[in-house]
Amino acid sequence: MRTYNLFRRKDETELYCAVPESVPVPAFQTDDSWEYARSLDIGALSGFDAAAAHASAAANGFYLFHSAS
């Protein structure tokens, strides 16, 4: 599995951006708007759509998603 760095939107805490460890953080992720949440293997997230994350990261360098919790 691939390891991602997760960033949480400060004003919308259920919105996350997953960025593969080997990819630079996107320019829209500023310290004012986003905070680092954690690094993890995508297999560790229940309900995480690994196929969508892989496809989005390959095309865009990141994957945006809402947490169900």
PDB file of N, CA and C in Angstrom:
ATOM      1  N   MET A   1       0.830  -1.189   0.000  1.00  0.00           N
ATOM      2  CA  MET A   1       0.000   0.000   0.000  1.00  0.00           C
ATOM      3  C   MET A   1       0.875   1.254   0.000  1.00  0.00           C
ATOM      4  N   ARG A   2       0.304   2.334  -0.387  1.00  0.00           N
ATOM      5  CA  ARG A   2       1.000   3.611  -0.486  1.00  0.00           C
ATOM      6  C   ARG A   2       0.746   4.449   0.774  1.00  0.00           C
ATOM      7  N   THR A   3       1.764   5.152   1.219  1.00  0.00           N
ATOM      8  CA  THR A   3       1.621   6.013   2.394  1.00  0.00           C
ATOM      9  C   THR A   3       1.317   7.440   1.952  1.00  0.00           C
ATOM     10  N   TYR A   4       0.334   8.026   2.611  1.00  0.00           N
ATOM     11  CA  TYR A   4      -0.105   9.386   2.318  1.00  0.00           C
ATOM     12  C   TYR A   4       0.079  10.275   3.541  1.00  0.00           C
ATOM     13  N   ASN A   5       0.324  11.545   3.303  1.00  0.00           N
ATOM     14  CA  ASN A   5       0.262  12.560   4.350  1.00  0.00           C
ATOM     15  C   ASN A   5      -1.131  13.164   4.271  1.00  0.00           C
ATOM     16  N   LEU A   6      -1.810  13.213   5.410  1.00  0.00           N
ATOM     17  CA  LEU A   6      -3.159  13.774   5.451  1.00  0.00           C
ATOM     18  C   LEU A   6      -3.125  15.174   6.030  1.00  0.00           C
ATOM     19  N   PHE A   7      -3.853  16.067   5.375  1.00  0.00           N
ATOM     20  CA  PHE A   7      -4.002  17.444   5.823  1.00  0.00           C
ATOM     21  C   PHE A   7      -5.488  17.711   5.995  1.00  0.00           C
ATOM     22  N   ARG A   8      -5.842  18.431   7.062  1.00  0.00           N
ATOM     23  CA  ARG A   8      -7.243  18.740   7.358  1.00  0.00           C
ATOM     24  C   ARG A   8      -7.484  20.235   7.137  1.00  0.00           C
ATOM     25  N   ARG A   9      -8.596  20.546   6.529  1.00  0.00           N
ATOM     26  CA  ARG A   9      -8.996  21.945   6.326  1.00  0.00           C
ATOM     27  C   ARG A   9      -9.384  22.526   7.679  1.00  0.00           C
ATOM     28  N   LYS A  10      -8.802  23.652   8.061  1.00  0.00           N
ATOM     29  CA  LYS A  10      -9.029  24.230   9.389  1.00  0.00           C
ATOM     30  C   LYS A  10     -10.469  24.665   9.623  1.00  0.00           C
ATOM     31  N   ASP A  11     -11.117  25.229   8.627  1.00  0.00           N
ATOM     32  CA  ASP A  11     -12.481  25.721   8.813  1.00  0.00           C
ATOM     33  C   ASP A  11     -13.549  24.696   8.418  1.00  0.00           C
ATOM     34  N   GLU A  12     -13.133  23.536   7.973  1.00  0.00           N
ATOM     35  CA  GLU A  12     -14.057  22.455   7.623  1.00  0.00           C
ATOM     36  C   GLU A  12     -13.356  21.140   7.976  1.00  0.00           C
ATOM     37  N   THR A  13     -13.380  20.785   9.251  1.00  0.00           N
ATOM     38  CA  THR A  13     -12.537  19.721   9.796  1.00  0.00           C
ATOM     39  C   THR A  13     -12.823  18.337   9.236  1.00  0.00           C
ATOM     40  N   GLU A  14     -13.894  18.169   8.505  1.00  0.00           N
ATOM     41  CA  GLU A  14     -14.180  16.867   7.887  1.00  0.00           C
ATOM     42  C   GLU A  14     -13.609  16.767   6.471  1.00  0.00           C
ATOM     43  N   LEU A  15     -13.017  17.849   5.964  1.00  0.00           N
ATOM     44  CA  LEU A  15     -12.426  17.855   4.625  1.00  0.00           C
ATOM     45  C   LEU A  15     -10.933  17.591   4.735  1.00  0.00           C
ATOM     46  N   TYR A  16     -10.480  16.565   4.037  1.00  0.00           N
ATOM     47  CA  TYR A  16      -9.075  16.167   4.066  1.00  0.00           C
ATOM     48  C   TYR A  16      -8.483  16.189   2.667  1.00  0.00           C
ATOM     49  N   CYS A  17      -7.182  16.358   2.635  1.00  0.00           N
ATOM     50  CA  CYS A  17      -6.413  16.234   1.404  1.00  0.00           C
ATOM     51  C   CYS A  17      -5.317  15.215   1.669  1.00  0.00           C
ATOM     52  N   ALA A  18      -5.320  14.140   0.906  1.00  0.00           N
ATOM     53  CA  ALA A  18      -4.303  13.097   1.022  1.00  0.00           C
ATOM     54  C   ALA A  18      -3.271  13.315  -0.079  1.00  0.00           C
ATOM     55  N   VAL A  19      -2.008  13.407   0.334  1.00  0.00           N
ATOM     56  CA  VAL A  19      -0.916  13.645  -0.601  1.00  0.00           C
ATOM     57  C   VAL A  19       0.099  12.516  -0.442  1.00  0.00           C
ATOM     58  N   PRO A  20       0.407  11.790  -1.518  1.00  0.00           N
ATOM     59  CA  PRO A  20       1.413  10.734  -1.398  1.00  0.00           C
ATOM     60  C   PRO A  20       2.714  11.295  -0.823  1.00  0.00           C
ATOM     61  N   GLU A  21       3.381  10.503   0.008  1.00  0.00           N
ATOM     62  CA  GLU A  21       4.628  10.945   0.643  1.00  0.00           C
ATOM     63  C   GLU A  21       5.659  11.458  -0.347  1.00  0.00           C
ATOM     64  N   SER A  22       5.691  10.876  -1.519  1.00  0.00           N
ATOM     65  CA  SER A  22       6.715  11.223  -2.507  1.00  0.00           C
ATOM     66  C   SER A  22       6.352  12.425  -3.375  1.00  0.00           C
ATOM     67  N   VAL A  23       5.208  13.050  -3.106  1.00  0.00           N
ATOM     68  CA  VAL A  23       4.719  14.161  -3.930  1.00  0.00           C
ATOM     69  C   VAL A  23       4.739  15.451  -3.109  1.00  0.00           C
ATOM     70  N   PRO A  24       5.162  16.582  -3.700  1.00  0.00           N
ATOM     71  CA  PRO A  24       5.133  17.859  -2.968  1.00  0.00           C
ATOM     72  C   PRO A  24       3.706  18.252  -2.582  1.00  0.00           C
ATOM     73  N   VAL A  25       3.573  18.941  -1.480  1.00  0.00           N
ATOM     74  CA  VAL A  25       2.266  19.429  -1.025  1.00  0.00           C
ATOM     75  C   VAL A  25       1.755  20.458  -2.036  1.00  0.00           C
ATOM     76  N   PRO A  26       0.466  20.363  -2.427  1.00  0.00           N
ATOM     77  CA  PRO A  26      -0.079  21.316  -3.405  1.00  0.00           C
ATOM     78  C   PRO A  26      -0.013  22.758  -2.894  1.00  0.00           C
ATOM     79  N   ALA A  27       0.108  23.697  -3.803  1.00  0.00           N
ATOM     80  CA  ALA A  27       0.242  25.119  -3.467  1.00  0.00           C
ATOM     81  C   ALA A  27      -0.986  25.665  -2.741  1.00  0.00           C
ATOM     82  N   PHE A  28      -2.168  25.101  -2.963  1.00  0.00           N
ATOM     83  CA  PHE A  28      -3.364  25.619  -2.303  1.00  0.00           C
ATOM     84  C   PHE A  28      -3.396  25.293  -0.807  1.00  0.00           C
ATOM     85  N   GLN A  29      -2.550  24.402  -0.359  1.00  0.00           N
ATOM     86  CA  GLN A  29      -2.511  24.037   1.058  1.00  0.00           C
ATOM     87  C   GLN A  29      -1.600  24.989   1.817  1.00  0.00           C
ATOM     88  N   THR A  30      -2.161  26.093   2.241  1.00  0.00           N
ATOM     89  CA  THR A  30      -1.395  27.079   3.002  1.00  0.00           C
ATOM     90  C   THR A  30      -1.557  26.820   4.498  1.00  0.00           C
ATOM     91  N   ASP A  31      -0.631  27.317   5.280  1.00  0.00           N
ATOM     92  CA  ASP A  31      -0.707  27.173   6.740  1.00  0.00           C
ATOM     93  C   ASP A  31      -1.940  27.868   7.307  1.00  0.00           C
ATOM     94  N   ASP A  32      -2.429  28.880   6.626  1.00  0.00           N
ATOM     95  CA  ASP A  32      -3.623  29.594   7.089  1.00  0.00           C
ATOM     96  C   ASP A  32      -4.887  28.752   6.966  1.00  0.00           C
ATOM     97  N   SER A  33      -4.930  27.862   5.991  1.00  0.00           N
ATOM     98  CA  SER A  33      -6.156  27.123   5.699  1.00  0.00           C
ATOM     99  C   SER A  33      -6.110  25.643   6.046  1.00  0.00           C
ATOM    100  N   TRP A  34      -4.939  25.045   6.056  1.00  0.00           N
ATOM    101  CA  TRP A  34      -4.806  23.606   6.243  1.00  0.00           C
ATOM    102  C   TRP A  34      -3.842  23.297   7.379  1.00  0.00           C
ATOM    103  N   GLU A  35      -4.057  22.148   8.033  1.00  0.00           N
ATOM    104  CA  GLU A  35      -3.123  21.685   9.055  1.00  0.00           C
ATOM    105  C   GLU A  35      -2.803  20.215   8.813  1.00  0.00           C
ATOM    106  N   TYR A  36      -1.581  19.867   9.132  1.00  0.00           N
ATOM    107  CA  TYR A  36      -1.139  18.480   8.998  1.00  0.00           C
ATOM    108  C   TYR A  36      -1.912  17.633  10.003  1.00  0.00           C
ATOM    109  N   ALA A  37      -2.442  16.513   9.553  1.00  0.00           N
ATOM    110  CA  ALA A  37      -3.179  15.619  10.446  1.00  0.00           C
ATOM    111  C   ALA A  37      -2.313  14.426  10.848  1.00  0.00           C
ATOM    112  N   ARG A  38      -1.799  13.700   9.856  1.00  0.00           N
ATOM    113  CA  ARG A  38      -0.938  12.543  10.129  1.00  0.00           C
ATOM    114  C   ARG A  38      -0.519  11.882   8.822  1.00  0.00           C
ATOM    115  N   SER A  39       0.425  10.948   8.938  1.00  0.00           N
ATOM    116  CA  SER A  39       0.827  10.107   7.809  1.00  0.00           C
ATOM    117  C   SER A  39       0.284   8.719   8.083  1.00  0.00           C
ATOM    118  N   LEU A  40      -0.162   8.054   7.051  1.00  0.00           N
ATOM    119  CA  LEU A  40      -0.646   6.695   7.247  1.00  0.00           C
ATOM    120  C   LEU A  40      -0.698   5.930   5.946  1.00  0.00           C
ATOM    121  N   ASP A  41      -0.700   4.634   6.101  1.00  0.00           N
ATOM    122  CA  ASP A  41      -0.889   3.728   4.978  1.00  0.00           C
ATOM    123  C   ASP A  41      -2.377   3.749   4.676  1.00  0.00           C
ATOM    124  N   ILE A  42      -2.753   3.947   3.423  1.00  0.00           N
ATOM    125  CA  ILE A  42      -4.175   4.071   3.096  1.00  0.00           C
ATOM    126  C   ILE A  42      -4.979   2.839   3.467  1.00  0.00           C
ATOM    127  N   GLY A  43      -4.333   1.702   3.623  1.00  0.00           N
ATOM    128  CA  GLY A  43      -5.043   0.501   4.046  1.00  0.00           C
ATOM    129  C   GLY A  43      -5.539   0.585   5.474  1.00  0.00           C
ATOM    130  N   ALA A  44      -5.032   1.551   6.249  1.00  0.00           N
ATOM    131  CA  ALA A  44      -5.411   1.693   7.651  1.00  0.00           C
ATOM    132  C   ALA A  44      -6.709   2.468   7.838  1.00  0.00           C
ATOM    133  N   LEU A  45      -7.217   3.106   6.790  1.00  0.00           N
ATOM    134  CA  LEU A  45      -8.447   3.890   6.907  1.00  0.00           C
ATOM    135  C   LEU A  45      -9.664   3.076   6.512  1.00  0.00           C
ATOM    136  N   SER A  46     -10.594   2.962   7.396  1.00  0.00           N
ATOM    137  CA  SER A  46     -11.846   2.280   7.097  1.00  0.00           C
ATOM    138  C   SER A  46     -12.678   3.154   6.161  1.00  0.00           C
ATOM    139  N   GLY A  47     -13.148   2.580   5.086  1.00  0.00           N
ATOM    140  CA  GLY A  47     -13.992   3.301   4.156  1.00  0.00           C
ATOM    141  C   GLY A  47     -13.249   4.208   3.187  1.00  0.00           C
ATOM    142  N   PHE A  48     -11.928   4.269   3.280  1.00  0.00           N
ATOM    143  CA  PHE A  48     -11.138   5.104   2.366  1.00  0.00           C
ATOM    144  C   PHE A  48     -11.120   4.450   0.999  1.00  0.00           C
ATOM    145  N   ASP A  49     -11.420   5.204  -0.027  1.00  0.00           N
ATOM    146  CA  ASP A  49     -11.459   4.673  -1.394  1.00  0.00           C
ATOM    147  C   ASP A  49     -10.051   4.722  -1.984  1.00  0.00           C
ATOM    148  N   ALA A  50      -9.297   3.660  -1.766  1.00  0.00           N
ATOM    149  CA  ALA A  50      -7.898   3.599  -2.198  1.00  0.00           C
ATOM    150  C   ALA A  50      -7.769   3.728  -3.716  1.00  0.00           C
ATOM    151  N   ALA A  51      -8.688   3.138  -4.460  1.00  0.00           N
ATOM    152  CA  ALA A  51      -8.614   3.219  -5.926  1.00  0.00           C
ATOM    153  C   ALA A  51      -8.813   4.659  -6.396  1.00  0.00           C
ATOM    154  N   ALA A  52      -9.763   5.366  -5.806  1.00  0.00           N
ATOM    155  CA  ALA A  52     -10.009   6.764  -6.166  1.00  0.00           C
ATOM    156  C   ALA A  52      -8.810   7.628  -5.763  1.00  0.00           C
ATOM    157  N   ALA A  53      -8.242   7.355  -4.591  1.00  0.00           N
ATOM    158  CA  ALA A  53      -7.076   8.111  -4.133  1.00  0.00           C
ATOM    159  C   ALA A  53      -5.907   7.922  -5.083  1.00  0.00           C
ATOM    160  N   HIS A  54      -5.676   6.689  -5.488  1.00  0.00           N
ATOM    161  CA  HIS A  54      -4.574   6.395  -6.401  1.00  0.00           C
ATOM    162  C   HIS A  54      -4.779   7.109  -7.741  1.00  0.00           C
ATOM    163  N   ALA A  55      -5.983   7.032  -8.288  1.00  0.00           N
ATOM    164  CA  ALA A  55      -6.272   7.668  -9.578  1.00  0.00           C
ATOM    165  C   ALA A  55      -6.144   9.191  -9.490  1.00  0.00           C
ATOM    166  N   SER A  56      -6.680   9.771  -8.426  1.00  0.00           N
ATOM    167  CA  SER A  56      -6.613  11.222  -8.259  1.00  0.00           C
ATOM    168  C   SER A  56      -5.178  11.687  -8.038  1.00  0.00           C
ATOM    169  N   ALA A  57      -4.435  10.963  -7.211  1.00  0.00           N
ATOM    170  CA  ALA A  57      -3.040  11.328  -6.950  1.00  0.00           C
ATOM    171  C   ALA A  57      -2.199  11.209  -8.215  1.00  0.00           C
ATOM    172  N   ALA A  58      -2.483  10.213  -9.045  1.00  0.00           N
ATOM    173  CA  ALA A  58      -1.739  10.052 -10.295  1.00  0.00           C
ATOM    174  C   ALA A  58      -2.024  11.208 -11.257  1.00  0.00           C
ATOM    175  N   ALA A  59      -3.268  11.680 -11.261  1.00  0.00           N
ATOM    176  CA  ALA A  59      -3.652  12.755 -12.175  1.00  0.00           C
ATOM    177  C   ALA A  59      -3.355  14.154 -11.623  1.00  0.00           C
ATOM    178  N   ASN A  60      -3.553  14.329 -10.308  1.00  0.00           N
ATOM    179  CA  ASN A  60      -3.493  15.666  -9.710  1.00  0.00           C
ATOM    180  C   ASN A  60      -2.396  15.857  -8.668  1.00  0.00           C
ATOM    181  N   GLY A  61      -1.895  14.764  -8.116  1.00  0.00           N
ATOM    182  CA  GLY A  61      -0.905  14.848  -7.051  1.00  0.00           C
ATOM    183  C   GLY A  61      -1.509  14.843  -5.665  1.00  0.00           C
ATOM    184  N   PHE A  62      -2.841  14.765  -5.569  1.00  0.00           N
ATOM    185  CA  PHE A  62      -3.529  14.756  -4.275  1.00  0.00           C
ATOM    186  C   PHE A  62      -4.921  14.155  -4.438  1.00  0.00           C
ATOM    187  N   TYR A  63      -5.570  13.892  -3.297  1.00  0.00           N
ATOM    188  CA  TYR A  63      -6.933  13.354  -3.282  1.00  0.00           C
ATOM    189  C   TYR A  63      -7.711  14.062  -2.180  1.00  0.00           C
ATOM    190  N   LEU A  64      -8.781  14.759  -2.521  1.00  0.00           N
ATOM    191  CA  LEU A  64      -9.652  15.420  -1.546  1.00  0.00           C
ATOM    192  C   LEU A  64     -10.807  14.507  -1.190  1.00  0.00           C
ATOM    193  N   PHE A  65     -11.136  14.452   0.113  1.00  0.00           N
ATOM    194  CA  PHE A  65     -12.260  13.640   0.544  1.00  0.00           C
ATOM    195  C   PHE A  65     -12.820  14.150   1.865  1.00  0.00           C
ATOM    196  N   HIS A  66     -14.077  13.805   2.134  1.00  0.00           N
ATOM    197  CA  HIS A  66     -14.727  14.115   3.412  1.00  0.00           C
ATOM    198  C   HIS A  66     -14.692  12.877   4.288  1.00  0.00           C
ATOM    199  N   SER A  67     -14.410  13.079   5.546  1.00  0.00           N
ATOM    200  CA  SER A  67     -14.426  11.989   6.521  1.00  0.00           C
ATOM    201  C   SER A  67     -15.867  11.723   6.924  1.00  0.00           C
ATOM    202  N   ALA A  68     -16.186  10.479   7.175  1.00  0.00           N
ATOM    203  CA  ALA A  68     -17.538  10.097   7.608  1.00  0.00           C
ATOM    204  C   ALA A  68     -17.696  10.198   9.112  1.00  0.00           C
ATOM    205  N   SER A  69     -16.614  10.454   9.836  1.00  0.00           N
ATOM    206  CA  SER A  69     -16.726  10.500  11.299  1.00  0.00           C
ATOM    207  C   SER A  69     -17.199  11.830  11.805  1.00  0.00           C
TER     208      SER A  69
END
